[in-house]
Amino acid sequence: MADLKYYDVILKPVITEASMAVLEDKKYTFLVHPTATKAQIADAVEKMFDGAKVESVNTMNYAGKGKRRGMIEGKTAKKKKAVVKLTADSKEIELFMGM
């Protein structure tokens, strides 16, 4: 995808024990598009969630795992995960508050 829109950048939130532990530090974890940059991720979070102001974005790339089914070999899709830290005066993201 050459031109990513902000609503194409964030795919889904990551709800794990480790990601829930850092919510009190205003760090939120999302699965994002593999070609998205940190600037695009920060822009998408600020546009999708009202009152959110991004302080920093950390990203992790995951290559696809090799899989086999008999003699057929293939790979799973590659993934990218982003941990977004909000500023102290920013509103919290309500999507994670019920967890």
C-alpha atoms as a PDB file:
ATOM      1  CA  MET A   1       0.000   0.000   0.000  1.00  0.00           C
ATOM      2  CA  ALA A   2       1.607   3.207  -1.119  1.00  0.00           C
ATOM      3  CA  ASP A   3      -0.715   5.678   0.609  1.00  0.00           C
ATOM      4  CA  LEU A   4      -1.906   4.601   4.070  1.00  0.00           C
ATOM      5  CA  LYS A   5      -4.856   6.472   5.553  1.00  0.00           C
ATOM      6  CA  TYR A   6      -4.958   6.894   9.325  1.00  0.00           C
ATOM      7  CA  TYR A   7      -7.778   4.368   9.688  1.00  0.00           C
ATOM      8  CA  ASP A   8      -5.702   1.728   7.850  1.00  0.00           C
ATOM      9  CA  VAL A   9      -2.689   2.086  10.150  1.00  0.00           C
ATOM     10  CA  ILE A  10      -4.079   0.637  13.407  1.00  0.00           C
ATOM     11  CA  LEU A  11      -5.404  -2.885  12.893  1.00  0.00           C
ATOM     12  CA  LYS A  12      -6.415  -3.921  16.431  1.00  0.00           C
ATOM     13  CA  PRO A  13      -5.454  -3.492  20.088  1.00  0.00           C
ATOM     14  CA  VAL A  14      -3.241  -6.062  21.777  1.00  0.00           C
ATOM     15  CA  ILE A  15      -4.832  -7.362  24.972  1.00  0.00           C
ATOM     16  CA  THR A  16      -2.273  -9.392  26.929  1.00  0.00           C
ATOM     17  CA  GLU A  17      -1.181  -9.563  30.538  1.00  0.00           C
ATOM     18  CA  ALA A  18       2.000  -7.621  29.806  1.00  0.00           C
ATOM     19  CA  SER A  19       0.205  -4.892  27.839  1.00  0.00           C
ATOM     20  CA  MET A  20      -2.397  -4.465  30.586  1.00  0.00           C
ATOM     21  CA  ALA A  21       0.348  -4.056  33.205  1.00  0.00           C
ATOM     22  CA  VAL A  22       1.712  -0.891  31.548  1.00  0.00           C
ATOM     23  CA  LEU A  23      -1.666   0.854  31.144  1.00  0.00           C
ATOM     24  CA  GLU A  24      -1.091   2.862  34.320  1.00  0.00           C
ATOM     25  CA  ASP A  25       1.966   4.426  32.634  1.00  0.00           C
ATOM     26  CA  LYS A  26      -0.332   5.476  29.737  1.00  0.00           C
ATOM     27  CA  LYS A  27       1.263   2.966  27.351  1.00  0.00           C
ATOM     28  CA  TYR A  28      -1.081   1.299  24.880  1.00  0.00           C
ATOM     29  CA  THR A  29      -0.211  -1.586  22.552  1.00  0.00           C
ATOM     30  CA  PHE A  30      -1.619  -1.955  19.037  1.00  0.00           C
ATOM     31  CA  LEU A  31      -1.111  -4.266  16.088  1.00  0.00           C
ATOM     32  CA  VAL A  32      -0.351  -1.946  13.149  1.00  0.00           C
ATOM     33  CA  HIS A  33       0.156  -2.181   9.396  1.00  0.00           C
ATOM     34  CA  PRO A  34       3.637  -3.607   8.631  1.00  0.00           C
ATOM     35  CA  THR A  35       4.653  -0.634   6.466  1.00  0.00           C
ATOM     36  CA  ALA A  36       3.416   2.087   8.857  1.00  0.00           C
ATOM     37  CA  THR A  37       5.995   4.530  10.207  1.00  0.00           C
ATOM     38  CA  LYS A  38       6.149   5.883  13.748  1.00  0.00           C
ATOM     39  CA  ALA A  39       4.864   9.266  12.580  1.00  0.00           C
ATOM     40  CA  GLN A  40       1.876   7.644  10.845  1.00  0.00           C
ATOM     41  CA  ILE A  41       1.098   5.599  13.981  1.00  0.00           C
ATOM     42  CA  ALA A  42       1.225   8.692  16.212  1.00  0.00           C
ATOM     43  CA  ASP A  43      -0.997  10.606  13.792  1.00  0.00           C
ATOM     44  CA  ALA A  44      -3.513   7.739  13.610  1.00  0.00           C
ATOM     45  CA  VAL A  45      -3.793   7.449  17.409  1.00  0.00           C
ATOM     46  CA  GLU A  46      -4.363  11.195  17.799  1.00  0.00           C
ATOM     47  CA  LYS A  47      -7.047  11.220  15.080  1.00  0.00           C
ATOM     48  CA  MET A  48      -8.868   8.036  16.130  1.00  0.00           C
ATOM     49  CA  PHE A  49      -9.019   8.712  19.881  1.00  0.00           C
ATOM     50  CA  ASP A  50     -10.224  12.152  21.002  1.00  0.00           C
ATOM     51  CA  GLY A  51      -7.958  13.950  23.458  1.00  0.00           C
ATOM     52  CA  ALA A  52      -5.006  11.577  22.986  1.00  0.00           C
ATOM     53  CA  LYS A  53      -1.608  13.258  22.654  1.00  0.00           C
ATOM     54  CA  VAL A  54       1.252  10.943  21.732  1.00  0.00           C
ATOM     55  CA  GLU A  55       4.599  11.375  23.485  1.00  0.00           C
ATOM     56  CA  SER A  56       6.499   8.474  21.894  1.00  0.00           C
ATOM     57  CA  VAL A  57       6.024   5.374  19.731  1.00  0.00           C
ATOM     58  CA  ASN A  58       8.086   2.182  19.944  1.00  0.00           C
ATOM     59  CA  THR A  59       7.659  -0.454  17.240  1.00  0.00           C
ATOM     60  CA  MET A  60       8.552  -4.126  16.904  1.00  0.00           C
ATOM     61  CA  ASN A  61       8.664  -6.061  13.637  1.00  0.00           C
ATOM     62  CA  TYR A  62       7.873  -9.770  13.596  1.00  0.00           C
ATOM     63  CA  ALA A  63       8.824 -11.836  10.559  1.00  0.00           C
ATOM     64  CA  GLY A  64       6.453 -14.572   9.414  1.00  0.00           C
ATOM     65  CA  LYS A  65       7.045 -18.015  10.892  1.00  0.00           C
ATOM     66  CA  GLY A  66       7.886 -20.906   8.626  1.00  0.00           C
ATOM     67  CA  LYS A  67       5.089 -23.465   8.456  1.00  0.00           C
ATOM     68  CA  ARG A  68       4.797 -26.841   6.750  1.00  0.00           C
ATOM     69  CA  ARG A  69       1.895 -29.058   5.842  1.00  0.00           C
ATOM     70  CA  GLY A  70       3.431 -32.209   4.476  1.00  0.00           C
ATOM     71  CA  MET A  71       5.782 -31.259   1.662  1.00  0.00           C
ATOM     72  CA  ILE A  72       4.229 -27.814   1.180  1.00  0.00           C
ATOM     73  CA  GLU A  73       6.213 -25.027   2.840  1.00  0.00           C
ATOM     74  CA  GLY A  74       5.041 -21.504   3.492  1.00  0.00           C
ATOM     75  CA  LYS A  75       5.134 -18.612   5.914  1.00  0.00           C
ATOM     76  CA  THR A  76       2.608 -16.842   8.069  1.00  0.00           C
ATOM     77  CA  ALA A  77       2.053 -13.114   7.568  1.00  0.00           C
ATOM     78  CA  LYS A  78       4.544 -10.678   9.053  1.00  0.00           C
ATOM     79  CA  LYS A  79       3.331  -8.408  11.855  1.00  0.00           C
ATOM     80  CA  LYS A  80       4.225  -5.084  13.419  1.00  0.00           C
ATOM     81  CA  LYS A  81       3.378  -4.110  16.970  1.00  0.00           C
ATOM     82  CA  ALA A  82       3.481  -0.568  18.359  1.00  0.00           C
ATOM     83  CA  VAL A  83       3.594   0.619  21.971  1.00  0.00           C
ATOM     84  CA  VAL A  84       2.243   4.170  22.140  1.00  0.00           C
ATOM     85  CA  LYS A  85       3.005   6.321  25.186  1.00  0.00           C
ATOM     86  CA  LEU A  86       0.670   9.253  25.811  1.00  0.00           C
ATOM     87  CA  THR A  87       1.576  12.524  27.518  1.00  0.00           C
ATOM     88  CA  ALA A  88       0.667  13.129  31.167  1.00  0.00           C
ATOM     89  CA  ASP A  89      -2.060  15.665  30.322  1.00  0.00           C
ATOM     90  CA  SER A  90      -3.606  13.449  27.628  1.00  0.00           C
ATOM     91  CA  LYS A  91      -6.962  11.714  28.012  1.00  0.00           C
ATOM     92  CA  GLU A  92      -6.900   7.941  28.402  1.00  0.00           C
ATOM     93  CA  ILE A  93      -8.036   5.670  25.583  1.00  0.00           C
ATOM     94  CA  GLU A  94     -11.448   4.342  26.621  1.00  0.00           C
ATOM     95  CA  LEU A  95     -11.112   1.185  24.531  1.00  0.00           C
ATOM     96  CA  PHE A  96      -8.774  -0.305  27.159  1.00  0.00           C
ATOM     97  CA  MET A  97     -10.621   0.917  30.280  1.00  0.00           C
ATOM     98  CA  GLY A  98     -13.101  -1.972  30.533  1.00  0.00           C
ATOM     99  CA  MET A  99     -10.377  -4.627  30.577  1.00  0.00           C
END
